[in-house]
Amino acid sequence: MDMRLELVTVPVTDIDRAKEFYVRAGFNADHDQTVSDDLRFVQLTPPGSGCSIAIGKGLTGMEPGSLDNLQMVVRDADEIHADLTGRGIEVSPVEDLPWGRFVRFADPDGNRWALQQLPAWAEHAADH
């Protein structure tokens, strides 16, 4: 039986600030609904991803900024570095490691992301 990751909750302190940040980073704002004074749900999806993130109020008991190394795969680390920098997102320099090239950033609450360009050997292995 297949299982597909659908939604990851990202704990934040200021929902509107976080939403603006992720939209500026290129995420699509799919849904924003305030259900009650205690519950607001915002869904955002990275471009090309089948999995979304949720930010909001009343969604999680995790501490804001506690997510570390949430990882996405990108086609080209240099290209995503230039794109995010051009959008005003502070990113790390491209880091070359044997298992890929990485660009890292954090949202305003300190939730940390890693964007990985797979090495050629891993890309070919994924095709099989």
Protein backbone atom coordinates (compact mmCIF):
# COMPACT_ATOMS: atom_id res chain seq x y z
CA MET A 1 0.00 0.00 0.00
CA ASP A 2 1.36 3.42 -0.95
CA MET A 3 1.49 6.26 1.54
CA ARG A 4 1.89 9.85 0.45
CA LEU A 5 3.03 12.65 2.72
CA GLU A 6 0.35 15.33 2.41
CA LEU A 7 0.86 18.03 5.03
CA VAL A 8 3.56 19.12 7.49
CA THR A 9 2.66 21.57 10.25
CA VAL A 10 5.23 24.34 10.76
CA PRO A 11 4.97 26.04 14.18
CA VAL A 12 5.04 29.85 14.00
CA THR A 13 4.31 32.79 16.32
CA ASP A 14 2.92 35.30 13.80
CA ILE A 15 0.72 33.66 11.16
CA ASP A 16 0.50 36.64 8.81
CA ARG A 17 4.25 37.29 8.95
CA ALA A 18 4.97 33.61 8.25
CA LYS A 19 2.43 33.49 5.42
CA GLU A 20 4.01 36.55 3.79
CA PHE A 21 7.47 35.00 4.13
CA TYR A 22 6.50 31.69 2.54
CA VAL A 23 4.60 33.39 -0.30
CA ARG A 24 7.63 35.61 -0.92
CA ALA A 25 9.76 32.42 -0.99
CA GLY A 26 7.55 31.14 -3.84
CA PHE A 27 5.06 28.95 -1.98
CA ASN A 28 1.46 29.06 -3.20
CA ALA A 29 -1.10 30.18 -0.60
CA ASP A 30 -3.75 27.50 -1.14
CA HIS A 31 -6.08 28.09 1.77
CA ASP A 32 -6.54 30.49 4.68
CA GLN A 33 -9.50 30.01 6.98
CA THR A 34 -10.24 31.27 10.45
CA VAL A 35 -12.60 28.73 11.98
CA SER A 36 -12.84 30.35 15.42
CA ASP A 37 -10.85 32.60 17.76
CA ASP A 38 -8.81 29.50 18.65
CA LEU A 39 -8.36 27.95 15.20
CA ARG A 40 -6.89 29.33 11.98
CA PHE A 41 -5.56 27.11 9.19
CA VAL A 42 -3.26 28.34 6.40
CA GLN A 43 -2.04 25.86 3.78
CA LEU A 44 0.92 26.71 1.54
CA THR A 45 2.53 24.53 -1.13
CA PRO A 46 6.09 24.78 -2.44
CA PRO A 47 6.23 25.00 -6.25
CA GLY A 48 6.14 21.53 -7.82
CA SER A 49 5.49 19.76 -4.51
CA GLY A 50 2.80 17.23 -3.74
CA CYS A 51 3.16 18.00 -0.03
CA SER A 52 2.04 21.23 1.61
CA ILE A 53 2.81 22.96 4.89
CA ALA A 54 0.25 24.23 7.38
CA ILE A 55 0.72 27.23 9.63
CA GLY A 56 -1.87 28.66 11.94
CA LYS A 57 -3.37 28.82 15.37
CA GLY A 58 -4.54 25.77 17.31
CA LEU A 59 -2.78 23.31 14.98
CA THR A 60 0.15 21.99 16.99
CA GLY A 61 1.80 21.90 20.38
CA MET A 62 5.28 22.23 18.87
CA GLU A 63 7.34 25.25 19.86
CA PRO A 64 7.64 27.91 17.14
CA GLY A 65 10.97 27.58 15.36
CA SER A 66 11.48 23.97 16.47
CA LEU A 67 11.54 22.37 13.01
CA ASP A 68 15.08 21.70 11.86
CA ASN A 69 16.28 20.50 8.46
CA LEU A 70 12.95 20.21 6.69
CA GLN A 71 14.26 19.18 3.28
CA MET A 72 13.12 19.65 -0.29
CA VAL A 73 14.82 18.56 -3.51
CA VAL A 74 15.55 21.19 -6.17
CA ARG A 75 16.86 20.84 -9.71
CA ASP A 76 19.70 23.35 -9.37
CA ALA A 77 21.17 24.72 -6.13
CA ASP A 78 22.72 27.78 -7.81
CA GLU A 79 19.42 28.62 -9.49
CA ILE A 80 17.36 28.35 -6.28
CA HIS A 81 20.01 30.37 -4.42
CA ALA A 82 19.70 33.18 -6.98
CA ASP A 83 15.89 32.95 -7.04
CA LEU A 84 15.45 33.13 -3.27
CA THR A 85 18.05 35.87 -2.90
CA GLY A 86 16.20 37.85 -5.57
CA ARG A 87 12.99 37.44 -3.56
CA GLY A 88 14.66 38.90 -0.48
CA ILE A 89 15.09 35.59 1.35
CA GLU A 90 18.33 35.25 3.31
CA VAL A 91 20.00 31.99 2.28
CA SER A 92 23.27 30.25 3.01
CA PRO A 93 25.98 29.96 0.40
CA VAL A 94 25.68 26.82 -1.72
CA GLU A 95 27.29 23.97 0.21
CA ASP A 96 28.87 21.12 -1.79
CA LEU A 97 28.74 17.73 -0.07
CA PRO A 98 29.25 14.20 -1.47
CA TRP A 99 25.49 13.53 -1.21
CA GLY A 100 24.37 16.76 -2.88
CA ARG A 101 24.54 20.52 -3.06
CA PHE A 102 22.60 22.40 -0.37
CA VAL A 103 21.10 25.83 0.17
CA ARG A 104 19.66 26.55 3.61
CA PHE A 105 17.27 29.15 4.95
CA ALA A 106 15.09 29.77 7.99
CA ASP A 107 11.67 31.36 8.34
CA PRO A 108 11.18 34.35 10.70
CA ASP A 109 10.60 31.99 13.65
CA GLY A 110 13.76 29.98 12.98
CA ASN A 111 12.24 26.87 11.38
CA ARG A 112 15.15 25.66 9.24
CA TRP A 113 14.93 24.34 5.69
CA ALA A 114 17.47 22.58 3.47
CA LEU A 115 17.15 22.61 -0.32
CA GLN A 116 19.10 19.76 -1.89
CA GLN A 117 20.28 19.33 -5.44
CA LEU A 118 20.79 15.58 -5.77
CA PRO A 119 24.14 14.36 -7.10
CA ALA A 120 24.11 12.80 -10.57
CA TRP A 121 24.48 9.27 -9.18
CA ALA A 122 21.39 9.70 -6.99
CA GLU A 123 19.31 11.19 -9.80
CA HIS A 124 20.04 8.18 -12.01
CA ALA A 125 19.26 5.74 -9.18
CA ALA A 126 15.87 7.43 -8.66
CA ASP A 127 14.99 6.82 -12.32
CA HIS A 128 14.97 3.04 -11.81
